[in-house]
Amino acid sequence: MANSESHSRGIRSILIDLDHDQSIKDWMIDKTKRMLSNRYKAIHMAEDMGVYPSKIHRFLKGMNVNDQFYQSWFEWYAKNK
């Protein structure tokens, strides 16, 4: 479970609680899937993140994505948490 908190300097912090055998990538995939719905689809998420929809699909299948994707994901997550 993650908590985001605004500080007076505009800095956000995110606390990530992982299960014993869970990786950060697994946590991110789980959070992403939980935010998707019939109304908010991967294509909408990709638009909000500024990435191609294929990157979202690759990520959700556990395939490799580049560092820029992870940066975009955390920026998107911090705004939408």
N, C-alpha and C. Protein backbone atom coordinates (compact mmCIF):
# COMPACT_ATOMS: atom_id res chain seq x y z
N MET A 1 0.84 -1.17 0.00
CA MET A 1 0.00 0.00 0.00
C MET A 1 0.88 1.22 0.00
N ALA A 2 0.53 2.25 -0.76
CA ALA A 2 1.37 3.43 -0.85
C ALA A 2 0.61 4.66 -0.37
N ASN A 3 1.31 5.52 0.29
CA ASN A 3 0.75 6.78 0.72
C ASN A 3 1.53 7.89 0.06
N SER A 4 0.84 8.88 -0.50
CA SER A 4 1.55 10.03 -1.03
C SER A 4 1.20 11.23 -0.17
N GLU A 5 2.17 12.08 0.02
CA GLU A 5 1.99 13.18 0.94
C GLU A 5 2.65 14.42 0.35
N SER A 6 1.95 15.55 0.35
CA SER A 6 2.52 16.80 -0.15
C SER A 6 3.25 17.51 0.97
N HIS A 7 4.40 18.04 0.66
CA HIS A 7 5.17 18.81 1.61
C HIS A 7 5.10 20.27 1.19
N SER A 8 5.52 21.17 2.06
CA SER A 8 5.44 22.59 1.79
C SER A 8 6.28 22.99 0.58
N ARG A 9 7.29 22.21 0.24
CA ARG A 9 8.14 22.53 -0.91
C ARG A 9 7.58 21.96 -2.20
N GLY A 10 6.42 21.33 -2.17
CA GLY A 10 5.84 20.74 -3.36
C GLY A 10 6.39 19.36 -3.68
N ILE A 11 7.10 18.77 -2.76
CA ILE A 11 7.67 17.44 -2.96
C ILE A 11 6.65 16.41 -2.52
N ARG A 12 6.51 15.35 -3.30
CA ARG A 12 5.62 14.26 -2.94
C ARG A 12 6.47 13.06 -2.55
N SER A 13 6.00 12.35 -1.54
CA SER A 13 6.68 11.12 -1.17
C SER A 13 5.68 9.98 -1.28
N ILE A 14 6.20 8.82 -1.63
CA ILE A 14 5.36 7.63 -1.77
C ILE A 14 6.00 6.53 -0.94
N LEU A 15 5.21 5.96 -0.07
CA LEU A 15 5.65 4.84 0.73
C LEU A 15 5.12 3.57 0.09
N ILE A 16 6.00 2.64 -0.20
CA ILE A 16 5.62 1.39 -0.87
C ILE A 16 5.81 0.25 0.11
N ASP A 17 4.70 -0.41 0.44
CA ASP A 17 4.74 -1.59 1.30
C ASP A 17 4.62 -2.82 0.42
N LEU A 18 5.67 -3.63 0.40
CA LEU A 18 5.68 -4.83 -0.43
C LEU A 18 5.43 -6.07 0.42
N ASP A 19 4.74 -7.03 -0.16
CA ASP A 19 4.65 -8.34 0.46
C ASP A 19 6.05 -8.96 0.44
N HIS A 20 6.25 -9.99 1.23
CA HIS A 20 7.57 -10.62 1.37
C HIS A 20 8.19 -11.01 0.02
N ASP A 21 7.42 -11.58 -0.87
CA ASP A 21 7.96 -12.07 -2.15
C ASP A 21 7.59 -11.17 -3.33
N GLN A 22 7.15 -9.96 -3.07
CA GLN A 22 6.70 -9.05 -4.13
C GLN A 22 7.81 -8.08 -4.52
N SER A 23 7.98 -7.87 -5.82
CA SER A 23 8.95 -6.89 -6.32
C SER A 23 8.25 -5.55 -6.53
N ILE A 24 9.03 -4.50 -6.70
CA ILE A 24 8.45 -3.18 -6.98
C ILE A 24 7.67 -3.23 -8.29
N LYS A 25 8.22 -3.92 -9.27
CA LYS A 25 7.53 -4.04 -10.56
C LYS A 25 6.18 -4.74 -10.38
N ASP A 26 6.14 -5.81 -9.58
CA ASP A 26 4.87 -6.50 -9.31
C ASP A 26 3.87 -5.55 -8.65
N TRP A 27 4.35 -4.76 -7.70
CA TRP A 27 3.51 -3.78 -7.01
C TRP A 27 2.94 -2.77 -8.00
N MET A 28 3.81 -2.28 -8.90
CA MET A 28 3.38 -1.30 -9.90
C MET A 28 2.33 -1.89 -10.84
N ILE A 29 2.55 -3.12 -11.28
CA ILE A 29 1.58 -3.78 -12.17
C ILE A 29 0.25 -3.95 -11.45
N ASP A 30 0.28 -4.36 -10.19
CA ASP A 30 -0.95 -4.51 -9.42
C ASP A 30 -1.69 -3.18 -9.29
N LYS A 31 -0.98 -2.11 -8.96
CA LYS A 31 -1.60 -0.78 -8.83
C LYS A 31 -2.18 -0.33 -10.16
N THR A 32 -1.46 -0.60 -11.25
CA THR A 32 -1.94 -0.21 -12.58
C THR A 32 -3.23 -0.94 -12.91
N LYS A 33 -3.25 -2.24 -12.71
CA LYS A 33 -4.45 -3.03 -13.02
C LYS A 33 -5.64 -2.59 -12.18
N ARG A 34 -5.40 -2.22 -10.93
CA ARG A 34 -6.48 -1.76 -10.06
C ARG A 34 -7.08 -0.44 -10.52
N MET A 35 -6.28 0.38 -11.20
CA MET A 35 -6.77 1.68 -11.64
C MET A 35 -7.48 1.61 -13.00
N LEU A 36 -7.28 0.52 -13.71
CA LEU A 36 -7.96 0.36 -15.00
C LEU A 36 -9.39 -0.12 -14.77
N SER A 37 -10.29 0.31 -15.65
CA SER A 37 -11.69 -0.08 -15.55
C SER A 37 -12.31 -0.06 -16.95
N ASN A 38 -13.61 -0.32 -17.00
CA ASN A 38 -14.30 -0.25 -18.29
C ASN A 38 -14.30 1.17 -18.84
N ARG A 39 -14.24 2.16 -17.96
CA ARG A 39 -14.24 3.56 -18.40
C ARG A 39 -12.82 4.12 -18.56
N TYR A 40 -11.90 3.70 -17.71
CA TYR A 40 -10.51 4.17 -17.76
C TYR A 40 -9.65 3.01 -18.23
N LYS A 41 -9.38 3.00 -19.51
CA LYS A 41 -8.66 1.89 -20.14
C LYS A 41 -7.18 2.21 -20.29
N ALA A 42 -6.43 1.21 -20.69
CA ALA A 42 -4.98 1.37 -20.85
C ALA A 42 -4.64 2.50 -21.83
N ILE A 43 -5.45 2.68 -22.84
CA ILE A 43 -5.18 3.75 -23.81
C ILE A 43 -5.31 5.12 -23.16
N HIS A 44 -6.25 5.27 -22.24
CA HIS A 44 -6.39 6.54 -21.52
C HIS A 44 -5.21 6.76 -20.58
N MET A 45 -4.79 5.70 -19.93
CA MET A 45 -3.64 5.79 -19.04
C MET A 45 -2.39 6.18 -19.84
N ALA A 46 -2.22 5.58 -20.99
CA ALA A 46 -1.06 5.90 -21.84
C ALA A 46 -1.08 7.37 -22.23
N GLU A 47 -2.24 7.89 -22.59
CA GLU A 47 -2.35 9.31 -22.93
C GLU A 47 -1.98 10.18 -21.74
N ASP A 48 -2.48 9.82 -20.56
CA ASP A 48 -2.18 10.59 -19.36
C ASP A 48 -0.70 10.54 -18.99
N MET A 49 -0.06 9.42 -19.28
CA MET A 49 1.36 9.25 -18.97
C MET A 49 2.27 9.79 -20.06
N GLY A 50 1.73 10.00 -21.25
CA GLY A 50 2.55 10.46 -22.37
C GLY A 50 3.39 9.36 -22.98
N VAL A 51 2.87 8.12 -22.96
CA VAL A 51 3.57 6.98 -23.55
C VAL A 51 2.65 6.30 -24.56
N TYR A 52 3.22 5.44 -25.38
CA TYR A 52 2.41 4.68 -26.33
C TYR A 52 1.63 3.59 -25.60
N PRO A 53 0.40 3.31 -26.04
CA PRO A 53 -0.39 2.24 -25.41
C PRO A 53 0.34 0.89 -25.39
N SER A 54 1.14 0.64 -26.39
CA SER A 54 1.88 -0.63 -26.43
C SER A 54 2.82 -0.77 -25.23
N LYS A 55 3.34 0.36 -24.72
CA LYS A 55 4.21 0.31 -23.54
C LYS A 55 3.44 -0.16 -22.32
N ILE A 56 2.20 0.32 -22.17
CA ILE A 56 1.36 -0.10 -21.05
C ILE A 56 1.12 -1.60 -21.14
N HIS A 57 0.76 -2.09 -22.31
CA HIS A 57 0.48 -3.51 -22.49
C HIS A 57 1.72 -4.36 -22.24
N ARG A 58 2.88 -3.90 -22.72
CA ARG A 58 4.13 -4.62 -22.47
C ARG A 58 4.39 -4.70 -20.97
N PHE A 59 4.23 -3.58 -20.30
CA PHE A 59 4.46 -3.51 -18.86
C PHE A 59 3.51 -4.45 -18.11
N LEU A 60 2.23 -4.43 -18.45
CA LEU A 60 1.24 -5.26 -17.76
C LEU A 60 1.49 -6.75 -17.97
N LYS A 61 2.16 -7.11 -19.06
CA LYS A 61 2.50 -8.51 -19.31
C LYS A 61 3.84 -8.89 -18.70
N GLY A 62 4.47 -7.95 -17.99
CA GLY A 62 5.74 -8.24 -17.32
C GLY A 62 6.95 -8.13 -18.23
N MET A 63 6.76 -7.58 -19.41
CA MET A 63 7.87 -7.45 -20.35
C MET A 63 8.68 -6.19 -20.00
N ASN A 64 9.87 -6.10 -20.58
CA ASN A 64 10.75 -4.97 -20.30
C ASN A 64 10.22 -3.68 -20.90
N VAL A 65 10.36 -2.61 -20.12
CA VAL A 65 10.09 -1.25 -20.59
C VAL A 65 11.29 -0.40 -20.18
N ASN A 66 11.43 0.77 -20.78
CA ASN A 66 12.62 1.57 -20.50
C ASN A 66 12.45 2.42 -19.23
N ASP A 67 13.54 3.02 -18.80
CA ASP A 67 13.54 3.83 -17.58
C ASP A 67 12.58 5.01 -17.68
N GLN A 68 12.43 5.58 -18.87
CA GLN A 68 11.52 6.71 -19.05
C GLN A 68 10.08 6.30 -18.72
N PHE A 69 9.72 5.06 -19.04
CA PHE A 69 8.38 4.58 -18.71
C PHE A 69 8.18 4.60 -17.19
N TYR A 70 9.15 4.09 -16.44
CA TYR A 70 9.04 4.06 -14.99
C TYR A 70 8.92 5.47 -14.41
N GLN A 71 9.69 6.40 -14.95
CA GLN A 71 9.60 7.81 -14.52
C GLN A 71 8.21 8.35 -14.78
N SER A 72 7.69 8.10 -15.99
CA SER A 72 6.35 8.56 -16.34
C SER A 72 5.30 7.91 -15.45
N TRP A 73 5.49 6.63 -15.15
CA TRP A 73 4.52 5.92 -14.32
C TRP A 73 4.45 6.53 -12.93
N PHE A 74 5.60 6.76 -12.31
CA PHE A 74 5.58 7.32 -10.95
C PHE A 74 5.03 8.74 -10.93
N GLU A 75 5.31 9.55 -11.94
CA GLU A 75 4.73 10.88 -12.02
C GLU A 75 3.22 10.80 -12.14
N TRP A 76 2.75 9.89 -12.99
CA TRP A 76 1.30 9.68 -13.16
C TRP A 76 0.68 9.18 -11.86
N TYR A 77 1.32 8.22 -11.22
CA TYR A 77 0.79 7.64 -9.99
C TYR A 77 0.69 8.70 -8.88
N ALA A 78 1.72 9.52 -8.74
CA ALA A 78 1.72 10.56 -7.71
C ALA A 78 0.58 11.55 -7.91
N LYS A 79 0.25 11.83 -9.16
CA LYS A 79 -0.85 12.78 -9.47
C LYS A 79 -2.21 12.14 -9.24
N ASN A 80 -2.32 10.85 -9.45
CA ASN A 80 -3.63 10.19 -9.44
C ASN A 80 -3.90 9.37 -8.19
N LYS A 81 -3.00 9.34 -7.27
CA LYS A 81 -3.19 8.56 -6.04
C LYS A 81 -4.20 9.24 -5.16
